[in-house]
Amino acid sequence: MRILLNRQCLIGQMEDRKEKLVYAYSGKRGYLVLDVSNLDKIDTAVLQVLISIVHTCQKTGRKYEIRGKSETLDLILECYGINL
């Protein structure tokens, strides 16, 4: 499953990805790809969701990949000392 994040990724705009995000939490099979290549702006709520998804994958042994490059995401993760 691939989840492509918008250029501006704000929690109020995530409704169209809701089903995929729910599956990302509950799905135990398949390969999850979080594509951040378009990401330019992200709010705290979406960041928390992404971190939670990654931790869920790690905890359940589900394979995942963060694809693409986003300077914005890299700076935020570095600021908080988070390694995805």
PDB file of N, CA and C in Angstrom:
ATOM      1  N   MET A   1       0.839  -1.167   0.000  1.00  0.00           N
ATOM      2  CA  MET A   1       0.000   0.000   0.000  1.00  0.00           C
ATOM      3  C   MET A   1       0.890   1.237   0.000  1.00  0.00           C
ATOM      4  N   ARG A   2       0.498   2.212  -0.787  1.00  0.00           N
ATOM      5  CA  ARG A   2       1.259   3.458  -0.878  1.00  0.00           C
ATOM      6  C   ARG A   2       0.386   4.613  -0.410  1.00  0.00           C
ATOM      7  N   ILE A   3       0.947   5.415   0.486  1.00  0.00           N
ATOM      8  CA  ILE A   3       0.271   6.629   0.939  1.00  0.00           C
ATOM      9  C   ILE A   3       1.134   7.803   0.494  1.00  0.00           C
ATOM     10  N   LEU A   4       0.602   8.582  -0.437  1.00  0.00           N
ATOM     11  CA  LEU A   4       1.298   9.758  -0.952  1.00  0.00           C
ATOM     12  C   LEU A   4       0.818  10.971  -0.176  1.00  0.00           C
ATOM     13  N   LEU A   5       1.742  11.657   0.468  1.00  0.00           N
ATOM     14  CA  LEU A   5       1.387  12.845   1.239  1.00  0.00           C
ATOM     15  C   LEU A   5       1.359  14.064   0.325  1.00  0.00           C
ATOM     16  N   ASN A   6       0.391  14.926   0.556  1.00  0.00           N
ATOM     17  CA  ASN A   6       0.250  16.162  -0.218  1.00  0.00           C
ATOM     18  C   ASN A   6       1.388  17.127   0.085  1.00  0.00           C
ATOM     19  N   ARG A   7       1.469  18.168  -0.728  1.00  0.00           N
ATOM     20  CA  ARG A   7       2.452  19.227  -0.501  1.00  0.00           C
ATOM     21  C   ARG A   7       2.228  19.858   0.867  1.00  0.00           C
ATOM     22  N   GLN A   8       0.992  20.192   1.169  1.00  0.00           N
ATOM     23  CA  GLN A   8       0.631  20.704   2.488  1.00  0.00           C
ATOM     24  C   GLN A   8      -0.171  19.615   3.181  1.00  0.00           C
ATOM     25  N   CYS A   9       0.418  19.031   4.172  1.00  0.00           N
ATOM     26  CA  CYS A   9      -0.183  17.885   4.833  1.00  0.00           C
ATOM     27  C   CYS A   9      -0.678  18.302   6.219  1.00  0.00           C
ATOM     28  N   LEU A  10      -1.947  18.702   6.254  1.00  0.00           N
ATOM     29  CA  LEU A  10      -2.567  19.161   7.486  1.00  0.00           C
ATOM     30  C   LEU A  10      -3.684  18.190   7.847  1.00  0.00           C
ATOM     31  N   ILE A  11      -3.906  17.992   9.137  1.00  0.00           N
ATOM     32  CA  ILE A  11      -4.861  16.982   9.580  1.00  0.00           C
ATOM     33  C   ILE A  11      -6.248  17.200   8.987  1.00  0.00           C
ATOM     34  N   GLY A  12      -6.659  18.415   8.805  1.00  0.00           N
ATOM     35  CA  GLY A  12      -7.964  18.710   8.222  1.00  0.00           C
ATOM     36  C   GLY A  12      -8.085  18.293   6.767  1.00  0.00           C
ATOM     37  N   GLN A  13      -6.966  18.049   6.122  1.00  0.00           N
ATOM     38  CA  GLN A  13      -6.960  17.670   4.717  1.00  0.00           C
ATOM     39  C   GLN A  13      -6.738  16.176   4.520  1.00  0.00           C
ATOM     40  N   MET A  14      -6.697  15.410   5.594  1.00  0.00           N
ATOM     41  CA  MET A  14      -6.377  13.988   5.492  1.00  0.00           C
ATOM     42  C   MET A  14      -7.598  13.093   5.302  1.00  0.00           C
ATOM     43  N   GLU A  15      -8.776  13.665   5.211  1.00  0.00           N
ATOM     44  CA  GLU A  15     -10.003  12.869   5.087  1.00  0.00           C
ATOM     45  C   GLU A  15      -9.936  11.903   3.900  1.00  0.00           C
ATOM     46  N   ASP A  16      -9.381  12.359   2.777  1.00  0.00           N
ATOM     47  CA  ASP A  16      -9.327  11.511   1.597  1.00  0.00           C
ATOM     48  C   ASP A  16      -8.361  10.338   1.755  1.00  0.00           C
ATOM     49  N   ARG A  17      -7.518  10.362   2.772  1.00  0.00           N
ATOM     50  CA  ARG A  17      -6.564   9.279   3.025  1.00  0.00           C
ATOM     51  C   ARG A  17      -6.925   8.480   4.280  1.00  0.00           C
ATOM     52  N   LYS A  18      -8.066   8.779   4.836  1.00  0.00           N
ATOM     53  CA  LYS A  18      -8.471   8.170   6.100  1.00  0.00           C
ATOM     54  C   LYS A  18      -8.460   6.642   6.038  1.00  0.00           C
ATOM     55  N   GLU A  19      -9.063   6.054   4.998  1.00  0.00           N
ATOM     56  CA  GLU A  19      -9.122   4.601   4.893  1.00  0.00           C
ATOM     57  C   GLU A  19      -7.728   3.993   4.804  1.00  0.00           C
ATOM     58  N   LYS A  20      -6.846   4.627   4.047  1.00  0.00           N
ATOM     59  CA  LYS A  20      -5.485   4.113   3.927  1.00  0.00           C
ATOM     60  C   LYS A  20      -4.747   4.219   5.261  1.00  0.00           C
ATOM     61  N   LEU A  21      -4.965   5.299   5.981  1.00  0.00           N
ATOM     62  CA  LEU A  21      -4.307   5.465   7.270  1.00  0.00           C
ATOM     63  C   LEU A  21      -4.806   4.436   8.282  1.00  0.00           C
ATOM     64  N   VAL A  22      -6.098   4.173   8.271  1.00  0.00           N
ATOM     65  CA  VAL A  22      -6.655   3.153   9.165  1.00  0.00           C
ATOM     66  C   VAL A  22      -6.049   1.794   8.823  1.00  0.00           C
ATOM     67  N   TYR A  23      -5.946   1.489   7.544  1.00  0.00           N
ATOM     68  CA  TYR A  23      -5.346   0.227   7.126  1.00  0.00           C
ATOM     69  C   TYR A  23      -3.873   0.163   7.536  1.00  0.00           C
ATOM     70  N   ALA A  24      -3.190   1.293   7.454  1.00  0.00           N
ATOM     71  CA  ALA A  24      -1.774   1.320   7.837  1.00  0.00           C
ATOM     72  C   ALA A  24      -1.596   0.901   9.292  1.00  0.00           C
ATOM     73  N   TYR A  25      -2.554   1.256  10.133  1.00  0.00           N
ATOM     74  CA  TYR A  25      -2.502   0.839  11.537  1.00  0.00           C
ATOM     75  C   TYR A  25      -2.850  -0.630  11.707  1.00  0.00           C
ATOM     76  N   SER A  26      -3.876  -1.080  11.016  1.00  0.00           N
ATOM     77  CA  SER A  26      -4.418  -2.411  11.292  1.00  0.00           C
ATOM     78  C   SER A  26      -3.901  -3.501  10.364  1.00  0.00           C
ATOM     79  N   GLY A  27      -3.478  -3.130   9.167  1.00  0.00           N
ATOM     80  CA  GLY A  27      -3.030  -4.141   8.213  1.00  0.00           C
ATOM     81  C   GLY A  27      -1.733  -4.790   8.661  1.00  0.00           C
ATOM     82  N   LYS A  28      -1.721  -6.108   8.637  1.00  0.00           N
ATOM     83  CA  LYS A  28      -0.524  -6.821   9.069  1.00  0.00           C
ATOM     84  C   LYS A  28       0.238  -7.410   7.900  1.00  0.00           C
ATOM     85  N   ARG A  29      -0.386  -7.399   6.736  1.00  0.00           N
ATOM     86  CA  ARG A  29       0.292  -7.951   5.575  1.00  0.00           C
ATOM     87  C   ARG A  29       0.565  -6.840   4.573  1.00  0.00           C
ATOM     88  N   GLY A  30       1.466  -7.131   3.693  1.00  0.00           N
ATOM     89  CA  GLY A  30       1.766  -6.172   2.649  1.00  0.00           C
ATOM     90  C   GLY A  30       2.856  -5.201   3.058  1.00  0.00           C
ATOM     91  N   TYR A  31       3.293  -4.475   2.101  1.00  0.00           N
ATOM     92  CA  TYR A  31       4.399  -3.539   2.253  1.00  0.00           C
ATOM     93  C   TYR A  31       3.815  -2.129   2.234  1.00  0.00           C
ATOM     94  N   LEU A  32       4.151  -1.331   3.221  1.00  0.00           N
ATOM     95  CA  LEU A  32       3.628   0.026   3.329  1.00  0.00           C
ATOM     96  C   LEU A  32       4.678   1.017   2.858  1.00  0.00           C
ATOM     97  N   VAL A  33       4.286   1.908   1.961  1.00  0.00           N
ATOM     98  CA  VAL A  33       5.169   2.965   1.472  1.00  0.00           C
ATOM     99  C   VAL A  33       4.544   4.305   1.841  1.00  0.00           C
ATOM    100  N   LEU A  34       5.279   5.102   2.608  1.00  0.00           N
ATOM    101  CA  LEU A  34       4.881   6.469   2.916  1.00  0.00           C
ATOM    102  C   LEU A  34       5.724   7.375   2.022  1.00  0.00           C
ATOM    103  N   ASP A  35       5.090   7.972   1.036  1.00  0.00           N
ATOM    104  CA  ASP A  35       5.798   8.803   0.062  1.00  0.00           C
ATOM    105  C   ASP A  35       5.729  10.266   0.499  1.00  0.00           C
ATOM    106  N   VAL A  36       6.873  10.817   0.890  1.00  0.00           N
ATOM    107  CA  VAL A  36       6.948  12.190   1.395  1.00  0.00           C
ATOM    108  C   VAL A  36       7.584  13.138   0.381  1.00  0.00           C
ATOM    109  N   SER A  37       7.765  12.687  -0.849  1.00  0.00           N
ATOM    110  CA  SER A  37       8.506  13.483  -1.837  1.00  0.00           C
ATOM    111  C   SER A  37       7.867  14.830  -2.157  1.00  0.00           C
ATOM    112  N   ASN A  38       6.556  14.971  -1.994  1.00  0.00           N
ATOM    113  CA  ASN A  38       5.884  16.245  -2.272  1.00  0.00           C
ATOM    114  C   ASN A  38       5.748  17.131  -1.040  1.00  0.00           C
ATOM    115  N   LEU A  39       6.034  16.605   0.114  1.00  0.00           N
ATOM    116  CA  LEU A  39       5.749  17.280   1.378  1.00  0.00           C
ATOM    117  C   LEU A  39       6.554  18.567   1.557  1.00  0.00           C
ATOM    118  N   ASP A  40       5.824  19.654   1.815  1.00  0.00           N
ATOM    119  CA  ASP A  40       6.449  20.947   2.039  1.00  0.00           C
ATOM    120  C   ASP A  40       6.014  21.550   3.378  1.00  0.00           C
ATOM    121  N   LYS A  41       4.831  21.133   3.861  1.00  0.00           N
ATOM    122  CA  LYS A  41       4.303  21.651   5.116  1.00  0.00           C
ATOM    123  C   LYS A  41       3.550  20.528   5.812  1.00  0.00           C
ATOM    124  N   ILE A  42       3.783  20.374   7.122  1.00  0.00           N
ATOM    125  CA  ILE A  42       3.120  19.320   7.882  1.00  0.00           C
ATOM    126  C   ILE A  42       2.782  19.868   9.259  1.00  0.00           C
ATOM    127  N   ASP A  43       1.609  19.518   9.758  1.00  0.00           N
ATOM    128  CA  ASP A  43       1.272  19.972  11.104  1.00  0.00           C
ATOM    129  C   ASP A  43       1.587  18.870  12.122  1.00  0.00           C
ATOM    130  N   THR A  44       1.513  19.229  13.384  1.00  0.00           N
ATOM    131  CA  THR A  44       1.893  18.317  14.460  1.00  0.00           C
ATOM    132  C   THR A  44       1.033  17.060  14.471  1.00  0.00           C
ATOM    133  N   ALA A  45      -0.250  17.194  14.220  1.00  0.00           N
ATOM    134  CA  ALA A  45      -1.148  16.036  14.255  1.00  0.00           C
ATOM    135  C   ALA A  45      -0.766  14.999  13.197  1.00  0.00           C
ATOM    136  N   VAL A  46      -0.463  15.437  11.999  1.00  0.00           N
ATOM    137  CA  VAL A  46      -0.076  14.502  10.940  1.00  0.00           C
ATOM    138  C   VAL A  46       1.279  13.882  11.271  1.00  0.00           C
ATOM    139  N   LEU A  47       2.194  14.666  11.798  1.00  0.00           N
ATOM    140  CA  LEU A  47       3.484  14.129  12.212  1.00  0.00           C
ATOM    141  C   LEU A  47       3.289  13.026  13.248  1.00  0.00           C
ATOM    142  N   GLN A  48       2.406  13.237  14.202  1.00  0.00           N
ATOM    143  CA  GLN A  48       2.121  12.222  15.218  1.00  0.00           C
ATOM    144  C   GLN A  48       1.539  10.962  14.582  1.00  0.00           C
ATOM    145  N   VAL A  49       0.667  11.123  13.609  1.00  0.00           N
ATOM    146  CA  VAL A  49       0.090   9.966  12.914  1.00  0.00           C
ATOM    147  C   VAL A  49       1.187   9.184  12.200  1.00  0.00           C
ATOM    148  N   LEU A  50       2.075   9.876  11.493  1.00  0.00           N
ATOM    149  CA  LEU A  50       3.159   9.197  10.778  1.00  0.00           C
ATOM    150  C   LEU A  50       4.079   8.439  11.732  1.00  0.00           C
ATOM    151  N   ILE A  51       4.427   9.075  12.837  1.00  0.00           N
ATOM    152  CA  ILE A  51       5.287   8.421  13.827  1.00  0.00           C
ATOM    153  C   ILE A  51       4.586   7.190  14.390  1.00  0.00           C
ATOM    154  N   SER A  52       3.313   7.319  14.660  1.00  0.00           N
ATOM    155  CA  SER A  52       2.543   6.201  15.194  1.00  0.00           C
ATOM    156  C   SER A  52       2.477   5.042  14.195  1.00  0.00           C
ATOM    157  N   ILE A  53       2.272   5.351  12.931  1.00  0.00           N
ATOM    158  CA  ILE A  53       2.234   4.314  11.898  1.00  0.00           C
ATOM    159  C   ILE A  53       3.572   3.580  11.833  1.00  0.00           C
ATOM    160  N   VAL A  54       4.666   4.322  11.827  1.00  0.00           N
ATOM    161  CA  VAL A  54       5.987   3.704  11.773  1.00  0.00           C
ATOM    162  C   VAL A  54       6.229   2.823  12.997  1.00  0.00           C
ATOM    163  N   HIS A  55       5.881   3.311  14.169  1.00  0.00           N
ATOM    164  CA  HIS A  55       6.064   2.502  15.381  1.00  0.00           C
ATOM    165  C   HIS A  55       5.192   1.251  15.360  1.00  0.00           C
ATOM    166  N   THR A  56       3.976   1.368  14.842  1.00  0.00           N
ATOM    167  CA  THR A  56       3.096   0.202  14.720  1.00  0.00           C
ATOM    168  C   THR A  56       3.707  -0.828  13.774  1.00  0.00           C
ATOM    169  N   CYS A  57       4.247  -0.372  12.667  1.00  0.00           N
ATOM    170  CA  CYS A  57       4.909  -1.283  11.724  1.00  0.00           C
ATOM    171  C   CYS A  57       6.085  -1.985  12.397  1.00  0.00           C
ATOM    172  N   GLN A  58       6.891  -1.232  13.107  1.00  0.00           N
ATOM    173  CA  GLN A  58       8.047  -1.820  13.783  1.00  0.00           C
ATOM    174  C   GLN A  58       7.622  -2.836  14.833  1.00  0.00           C
ATOM    175  N   LYS A  59       6.600  -2.507  15.578  1.00  0.00           N
ATOM    176  CA  LYS A  59       6.117  -3.370  16.654  1.00  0.00           C
ATOM    177  C   LYS A  59       5.510  -4.674  16.121  1.00  0.00           C
ATOM    178  N   THR A  60       4.824  -4.592  14.988  1.00  0.00           N
ATOM    179  CA  THR A  60       4.161  -5.767  14.440  1.00  0.00           C
ATOM    180  C   THR A  60       5.010  -6.506  13.411  1.00  0.00           C
ATOM    181  N   GLY A  61       6.175  -5.970  13.093  1.00  0.00           N
ATOM    182  CA  GLY A  61       7.048  -6.611  12.117  1.00  0.00           C
ATOM    183  C   GLY A  61       6.643  -6.362  10.674  1.00  0.00           C
ATOM    184  N   ARG A  62       5.766  -5.426  10.469  1.00  0.00           N
ATOM    185  CA  ARG A  62       5.326  -5.097   9.106  1.00  0.00           C
ATOM    186  C   ARG A  62       6.412  -4.293   8.399  1.00  0.00           C
ATOM    187  N   LYS A  63       6.655  -4.616   7.163  1.00  0.00           N
ATOM    188  CA  LYS A  63       7.677  -3.912   6.396  1.00  0.00           C
ATOM    189  C   LYS A  63       7.121  -2.593   5.885  1.00  0.00           C
ATOM    190  N   TYR A  64       7.969  -1.571   5.938  1.00  0.00           N
ATOM    191  CA  TYR A  64       7.565  -0.245   5.470  1.00  0.00           C
ATOM    192  C   TYR A  64       8.764   0.473   4.885  1.00  0.00           C
ATOM    193  N   GLU A  65       8.472   1.503   4.139  1.00  0.00           N
ATOM    194  CA  GLU A  65       9.514   2.334   3.546  1.00  0.00           C
ATOM    195  C   GLU A  65       9.027   3.766   3.520  1.00  0.00           C
ATOM    196  N   ILE A  66       9.913   4.688   3.846  1.00  0.00           N
ATOM    197  CA  ILE A  66       9.609   6.103   3.674  1.00  0.00           C
ATOM    198  C   ILE A  66      10.327   6.514   2.397  1.00  0.00           C
ATOM    199  N   ARG A  67       9.544   6.844   1.396  1.00  0.00           N
ATOM    200  CA  ARG A  67      10.083   7.098   0.067  1.00  0.00           C
ATOM    201  C   ARG A  67      10.090   8.593  -0.218  1.00  0.00           C
ATOM    202  N   GLY A  68      11.101   9.024  -0.924  1.00  0.00           N
ATOM    203  CA  GLY A  68      11.193  10.421  -1.315  1.00  0.00           C
ATOM    204  C   GLY A  68      11.990  11.222  -0.309  1.00  0.00           C
ATOM    205  N   LYS A  69      12.179  12.450  -0.634  1.00  0.00           N
ATOM    206  CA  LYS A  69      12.960  13.355   0.203  1.00  0.00           C
ATOM    207  C   LYS A  69      12.149  14.606   0.463  1.00  0.00           C
ATOM    208  N   SER A  70      12.105  15.010   1.726  1.00  0.00           N
ATOM    209  CA  SER A  70      11.426  16.237   2.109  1.00  0.00           C
ATOM    210  C   SER A  70      12.305  16.977   3.110  1.00  0.00           C
ATOM    211  N   GLU A  71      12.822  18.118   2.680  1.00  0.00           N
ATOM    212  CA  GLU A  71      13.645  18.922   3.590  1.00  0.00           C
ATOM    213  C   GLU A  71      12.853  19.340   4.813  1.00  0.00           C
ATOM    214  N   THR A  72      11.586  19.659   4.598  1.00  0.00           N
ATOM    215  CA  THR A  72      10.717  20.069   5.710  1.00  0.00           C
ATOM    216  C   THR A  72      10.627  18.967   6.748  1.00  0.00           C
ATOM    217  N   LEU A  73      10.318  17.750   6.322  1.00  0.00           N
ATOM    218  CA  LEU A  73      10.204  16.632   7.255  1.00  0.00           C
ATOM    219  C   LEU A  73      11.542  16.344   7.920  1.00  0.00           C
ATOM    220  N   ASP A  74      12.614  16.367   7.156  1.00  0.00           N
ATOM    221  CA  ASP A  74      13.947  16.124   7.720  1.00  0.00           C
ATOM    222  C   ASP A  74      14.282  17.130   8.822  1.00  0.00           C
ATOM    223  N   LEU A  75      13.976  18.404   8.584  1.00  0.00           N
ATOM    224  CA  LEU A  75      14.262  19.444   9.579  1.00  0.00           C
ATOM    225  C   LEU A  75      13.439  19.262  10.852  1.00  0.00           C
ATOM    226  N   ILE A  76      12.167  18.931  10.682  1.00  0.00           N
ATOM    227  CA  ILE A  76      11.300  18.726  11.848  1.00  0.00           C
ATOM    228  C   ILE A  76      11.760  17.520  12.654  1.00  0.00           C
ATOM    229  N   LEU A  77      12.046  16.419  11.965  1.00  0.00           N
ATOM    230  CA  LEU A  77      12.497  15.218  12.674  1.00  0.00           C
ATOM    231  C   LEU A  77      13.826  15.473  13.393  1.00  0.00           C
ATOM    232  N   GLU A  78      14.713  16.179  12.739  1.00  0.00           N
ATOM    233  CA  GLU A  78      16.004  16.517  13.371  1.00  0.00           C
ATOM    234  C   GLU A  78      15.796  17.397  14.590  1.00  0.00           C
ATOM    235  N   CYS A  79      14.906  18.368  14.476  1.00  0.00           N
ATOM    236  CA  CYS A  79      14.621  19.283  15.578  1.00  0.00           C
ATOM    237  C   CYS A  79      14.138  18.524  16.818  1.00  0.00           C
ATOM    238  N   TYR A  80      13.294  17.522  16.607  1.00  0.00           N
ATOM    239  CA  TYR A  80      12.748  16.747  17.704  1.00  0.00           C
ATOM    240  C   TYR A  80      13.594  15.531  18.084  1.00  0.00           C
ATOM    241  N   GLY A  81      14.643  15.287  17.307  1.00  0.00           N
ATOM    242  CA  GLY A  81      15.492  14.132  17.584  1.00  0.00           C
ATOM    243  C   GLY A  81      14.812  12.806  17.267  1.00  0.00           C
ATOM    244  N   ILE A  82      13.974  12.811  16.229  1.00  0.00           N
ATOM    245  CA  ILE A  82      13.220  11.617  15.850  1.00  0.00           C
ATOM    246  C   ILE A  82      13.874  10.985  14.627  1.00  0.00           C
ATOM    247  N   ASN A  83      14.016   9.666  14.681  1.00  0.00           N
ATOM    248  CA  ASN A  83      14.579   8.925  13.558  1.00  0.00           C
ATOM    249  C   ASN A  83      13.529   7.943  13.053  1.00  0.00           C
ATOM    250  N   LEU A  84      13.067   8.137  11.836  1.00  0.00           N
ATOM    251  CA  LEU A  84      12.084   7.221  11.263  1.00  0.00           C
ATOM    252  C   LEU A  84      12.780   6.235  10.369  1.00  0.00           C
TER     253      LEU A  84
END
